[in-house]
Protein backbone atom coordinates (compact mmCIF):
# COMPACT_ATOMS: atom_id res chain seq x y z
CA MET A 1 -76.20 -58.44 2.93
CA THR A 2 -73.17 -60.63 3.53
CA PHE A 3 -69.80 -59.91 1.91
CA ASP A 4 -70.22 -62.91 -0.38
CA GLU A 5 -73.68 -61.76 -1.45
CA LEU A 6 -72.36 -58.28 -2.21
CA LEU A 7 -69.51 -59.67 -4.30
CA THR A 8 -71.66 -62.13 -6.24
CA THR A 9 -74.70 -59.94 -6.91
CA THR A 10 -73.09 -56.65 -7.96
CA ARG A 11 -74.23 -56.63 -11.57
CA SER A 12 -73.86 -54.27 -14.49
CA VAL A 13 -77.24 -52.54 -14.28
CA ARG A 14 -78.66 -51.03 -17.46
CA LYS A 15 -82.38 -51.55 -18.06
CA ARG A 16 -83.10 -51.44 -14.34
CA LEU A 17 -81.52 -48.05 -13.72
CA ASP A 18 -84.18 -45.64 -12.42
CA LEU A 19 -83.81 -42.70 -14.79
CA THR A 20 -86.31 -40.51 -12.94
CA ARG A 21 -85.19 -40.70 -9.30
CA PRO A 22 -82.51 -38.18 -8.25
CA VAL A 23 -79.39 -39.54 -6.56
CA PRO A 24 -78.08 -37.49 -3.61
CA LEU A 25 -74.55 -36.28 -4.28
CA GLU A 26 -73.63 -37.15 -0.70
CA LEU A 27 -74.35 -40.81 -1.45
CA VAL A 28 -72.01 -40.70 -4.44
CA ARG A 29 -69.35 -39.06 -2.27
CA GLU A 30 -69.67 -41.89 0.28
CA CYS A 31 -69.04 -44.44 -2.47
CA LEU A 32 -66.04 -42.52 -3.76
CA GLU A 33 -64.59 -42.19 -0.25
CA ILE A 34 -64.67 -45.97 -0.05
CA SER A 35 -63.14 -46.34 -3.51
CA LEU A 36 -60.13 -44.30 -2.38
CA GLN A 37 -59.12 -47.15 -0.09
CA ALA A 38 -58.31 -49.35 -3.10
CA PRO A 39 -54.65 -50.23 -3.78
CA THR A 40 -52.50 -48.28 -6.24
CA GLY A 41 -49.01 -48.95 -7.59
CA GLY A 42 -46.40 -47.29 -5.39
CA ASN A 43 -49.26 -45.72 -3.40
CA ARG A 44 -49.31 -42.96 -6.04
CA GLN A 45 -53.08 -42.47 -5.83
CA GLY A 46 -53.10 -40.78 -9.24
CA TRP A 47 -56.82 -41.17 -9.73
CA HIS A 48 -59.36 -38.42 -10.37
CA TRP A 49 -63.13 -38.70 -10.38
CA ILE A 50 -65.49 -36.54 -12.40
CA VAL A 51 -69.10 -36.66 -11.21
CA VAL A 52 -71.41 -35.33 -13.90
CA THR A 53 -74.94 -34.31 -12.92
CA ASP A 54 -75.55 -31.32 -15.22
CA PRO A 55 -78.30 -32.37 -17.68
CA ASP A 56 -76.65 -30.75 -20.71
CA LEU A 57 -73.29 -32.37 -20.00
CA ARG A 58 -74.93 -35.74 -19.39
CA LYS A 59 -76.77 -35.45 -22.68
CA ALA A 60 -73.59 -34.57 -24.56
CA ILE A 61 -71.74 -37.54 -23.05
CA GLY A 62 -74.75 -39.73 -23.78
CA ASP A 63 -74.69 -38.65 -27.43
CA TYR A 64 -71.03 -39.66 -27.75
CA TYR A 65 -71.79 -42.95 -26.02
CA ALA A 66 -74.71 -43.65 -28.35
CA ARG A 67 -72.57 -42.99 -31.40
CA SER A 68 -69.92 -45.36 -30.11
CA TRP A 69 -72.52 -48.02 -29.25
CA ASN A 70 -74.04 -47.84 -32.73
CA THR A 71 -70.62 -48.29 -34.32
CA TYR A 72 -69.77 -51.17 -31.99
CA TYR A 73 -73.08 -52.94 -32.57
CA GLY A 74 -72.86 -52.43 -36.31
CA SER A 75 -69.40 -54.01 -36.36
CA GLY A 76 -70.87 -57.41 -35.48
CA SER A 77 -68.67 -57.80 -32.41
CA SER A 78 -71.26 -57.05 -29.73
CA ALA A 79 -72.34 -59.57 -27.10
CA ALA A 80 -75.24 -60.82 -29.23
CA SER A 81 -72.90 -62.13 -31.92
CA ARG A 82 -70.84 -64.35 -29.62
CA TYR A 83 -71.08 -68.06 -28.74
CA ALA A 84 -73.47 -68.91 -31.60
CA ALA A 85 -72.68 -72.61 -31.18
CA ASP A 86 -73.97 -72.64 -27.59
CA PRO A 87 -77.79 -72.18 -27.57
CA GLU A 88 -78.00 -71.59 -23.83
CA ARG A 89 -75.24 -69.02 -23.82
CA VAL A 90 -76.74 -67.30 -26.87
CA LYS A 91 -79.86 -66.54 -24.85
CA VAL A 92 -77.77 -64.84 -22.17
CA GLN A 93 -75.76 -62.92 -24.76
CA GLU A 94 -78.93 -61.67 -26.43
CA ARG A 95 -80.20 -60.36 -23.11
CA VAL A 96 -76.88 -58.65 -22.45
CA SER A 97 -76.93 -57.07 -25.89
CA ALA A 98 -80.50 -55.82 -25.50
CA SER A 99 -79.59 -54.36 -22.12
CA ALA A 100 -76.51 -52.67 -23.59
CA ALA A 101 -78.61 -51.24 -26.42
CA PHE A 102 -80.99 -49.72 -23.89
CA LEU A 103 -78.10 -48.04 -22.09
CA GLY A 104 -76.77 -46.86 -25.43
CA GLU A 105 -80.03 -45.01 -25.97
CA HIS A 106 -80.38 -43.68 -22.42
CA MET A 107 -76.88 -42.99 -21.07
CA GLY A 108 -77.59 -39.27 -21.14
CA ASP A 109 -80.72 -39.80 -19.01
CA VAL A 110 -78.91 -41.48 -16.13
CA PRO A 111 -78.94 -39.08 -13.13
CA VAL A 112 -75.22 -39.37 -12.31
CA LEU A 113 -72.27 -40.24 -14.57
CA VAL A 114 -68.98 -40.97 -12.82
CA ILE A 115 -65.82 -40.98 -14.91
CA GLY A 116 -62.72 -42.53 -13.38
CA CYS A 117 -59.47 -40.98 -14.61
CA ILE A 118 -55.78 -41.35 -13.86
CA SER A 119 -52.83 -38.99 -14.13
CA THR A 120 -50.33 -39.92 -16.84
CA PRO A 121 -47.43 -37.46 -16.58
CA GLY A 122 -45.22 -38.12 -19.54
CA GLY A 123 -48.00 -39.90 -21.42
CA LEU A 124 -49.11 -43.51 -21.54
CA PRO A 125 -46.33 -46.05 -20.95
CA GLU A 126 -45.23 -48.26 -23.81
CA GLY A 127 -45.87 -51.97 -23.72
CA ASN A 128 -47.88 -53.55 -20.91
CA GLN A 129 -50.00 -50.94 -19.15
CA ALA A 130 -51.32 -53.19 -16.38
CA GLY A 131 -49.47 -51.18 -13.73
CA LEU A 132 -51.14 -47.96 -14.80
CA TRP A 133 -54.72 -49.17 -15.13
CA GLY A 134 -54.33 -51.47 -12.14
CA SER A 135 -54.03 -48.28 -10.11
CA LEU A 136 -57.50 -47.11 -11.19
CA LEU A 137 -59.74 -50.06 -11.96
CA PRO A 138 -59.81 -51.65 -8.46
CA ALA A 139 -61.05 -48.31 -7.13
CA ALA A 140 -63.78 -48.22 -9.77
CA TRP A 141 -64.91 -51.71 -8.75
CA SER A 142 -64.91 -50.64 -5.09
CA TYR A 143 -67.16 -47.74 -6.10
CA MET A 144 -69.57 -50.18 -7.76
CA LEU A 145 -69.63 -52.40 -4.66
CA ALA A 146 -70.23 -49.43 -2.36
CA ALA A 147 -73.03 -48.24 -4.64
CA ARG A 148 -74.66 -51.68 -4.62
CA ALA A 149 -74.58 -51.72 -0.82
CA ARG A 150 -76.49 -48.42 -0.85
CA GLY A 151 -79.22 -49.46 -3.25
CA LEU A 152 -77.59 -47.93 -6.32
CA GLY A 153 -77.00 -49.63 -9.64
CA THR A 154 -73.97 -49.09 -11.84
CA ALA A 155 -72.49 -50.49 -15.04
CA TRP A 156 -68.88 -50.81 -16.12
CA THR A 157 -68.63 -49.06 -19.50
CA THR A 158 -65.79 -47.87 -21.73
CA LEU A 159 -67.46 -47.25 -25.11
CA HIS A 160 -67.30 -43.48 -24.66
CA LEU A 161 -63.51 -43.74 -24.89
CA ALA A 162 -63.83 -43.77 -28.69
CA TYR A 163 -64.52 -40.08 -28.11
CA GLU A 164 -62.18 -39.60 -25.17
CA SER A 165 -60.66 -36.38 -26.50
CA GLU A 166 -64.09 -34.87 -27.19
CA VAL A 167 -65.32 -35.74 -23.70
CA ALA A 168 -62.09 -34.40 -22.22
CA GLU A 169 -62.63 -31.08 -23.99
CA LEU A 170 -66.27 -31.02 -22.90
CA LEU A 171 -65.33 -31.50 -19.23
CA GLY A 172 -62.03 -29.60 -19.19
CA ILE A 173 -59.91 -32.67 -18.43
CA PRO A 174 -56.17 -31.85 -18.68
CA GLY A 175 -54.10 -33.48 -21.40
CA ASP A 176 -52.02 -35.53 -18.95
CA VAL A 177 -55.12 -37.16 -17.42
CA ARG A 178 -56.66 -40.18 -19.15
CA GLN A 179 -60.13 -41.59 -18.72
CA GLY A 180 -60.47 -45.27 -17.82
CA VAL A 181 -64.12 -46.02 -17.11
CA LEU A 182 -67.59 -44.46 -17.20
CA LEU A 183 -69.93 -45.57 -14.40
CA PRO A 184 -73.58 -44.58 -14.87
CA THR A 185 -75.13 -44.44 -11.42
CA ALA A 186 -78.79 -44.50 -10.38
CA TYR A 187 -81.16 -46.20 -8.01
CA TYR A 188 -82.22 -49.53 -9.45
CA THR A 189 -85.74 -50.83 -9.89
CA GLY A 190 -86.91 -54.16 -8.49
CA ASP A 191 -85.81 -55.87 -5.33
CA THR A 192 -82.33 -57.31 -5.73
CA PHE A 193 -79.98 -59.24 -8.04
CA ARG A 194 -78.85 -62.84 -8.30
CA PRO A 195 -75.44 -64.31 -9.12
CA ALA A 196 -74.93 -64.45 -12.89
CA PRO A 197 -74.20 -67.64 -14.83
CA ARG A 198 -70.47 -68.13 -15.24
CA GLN A 199 -68.09 -70.73 -16.66
CA PRO A 200 -67.28 -73.53 -14.21
CA LEU A 201 -64.12 -72.78 -12.26
CA ASP A 202 -62.41 -75.95 -13.45
CA GLU A 203 -62.65 -74.74 -17.06
CA VAL A 204 -60.54 -71.67 -16.32
CA LEU A 205 -58.35 -72.82 -13.42
CA HIS A 206 -54.71 -73.75 -14.07
CA LEU A 207 -52.53 -75.17 -11.29
CA ASP A 208 -48.76 -74.62 -11.54
CA ARG A 209 -48.82 -74.34 -15.35
CA TRP A 210 -51.29 -73.88 -18.24
């Protein structure tokens, strides 16, 4: 596929993750090798990647994720509750919510769970933390693009962070390392993906000032 096609069709894949087909670890390593080329502040490269394939560990993480999803959905702030005044957008939001609910039930069944972490010696900085997370999140997106190019589906998720300390204890993550994203990874079903509907550029573009 072309670069533009890769960038515009890398979707958050949930219902179409193949939960039964094993994913070779070498393929995941290839994607992570590519992710390590992403930029980091001061070239610190403070990221760490935990690749979870053990069924019992995946189930435990999936249980925490499901608990967090149920709380989130019950709060009334999930995707399905947004943009009620826009009938067309409501349809999209309902599909997103149904897809997220499926992942909430099946996170522990996904063959590979990748958790992106970053070292935080001295703890999290006060105030704006863009510099810290900006040194991890581009690499996570690069991982998702590399996975898409290899026929793998992923989804950007953070709901497990409601139980970050429990997951850290489960996986032996040191206290000065914080988790930033959970990327379920599997082969996807079906042929390909299309660009998603988005707001027109002119509704969000500001030239020179707001």
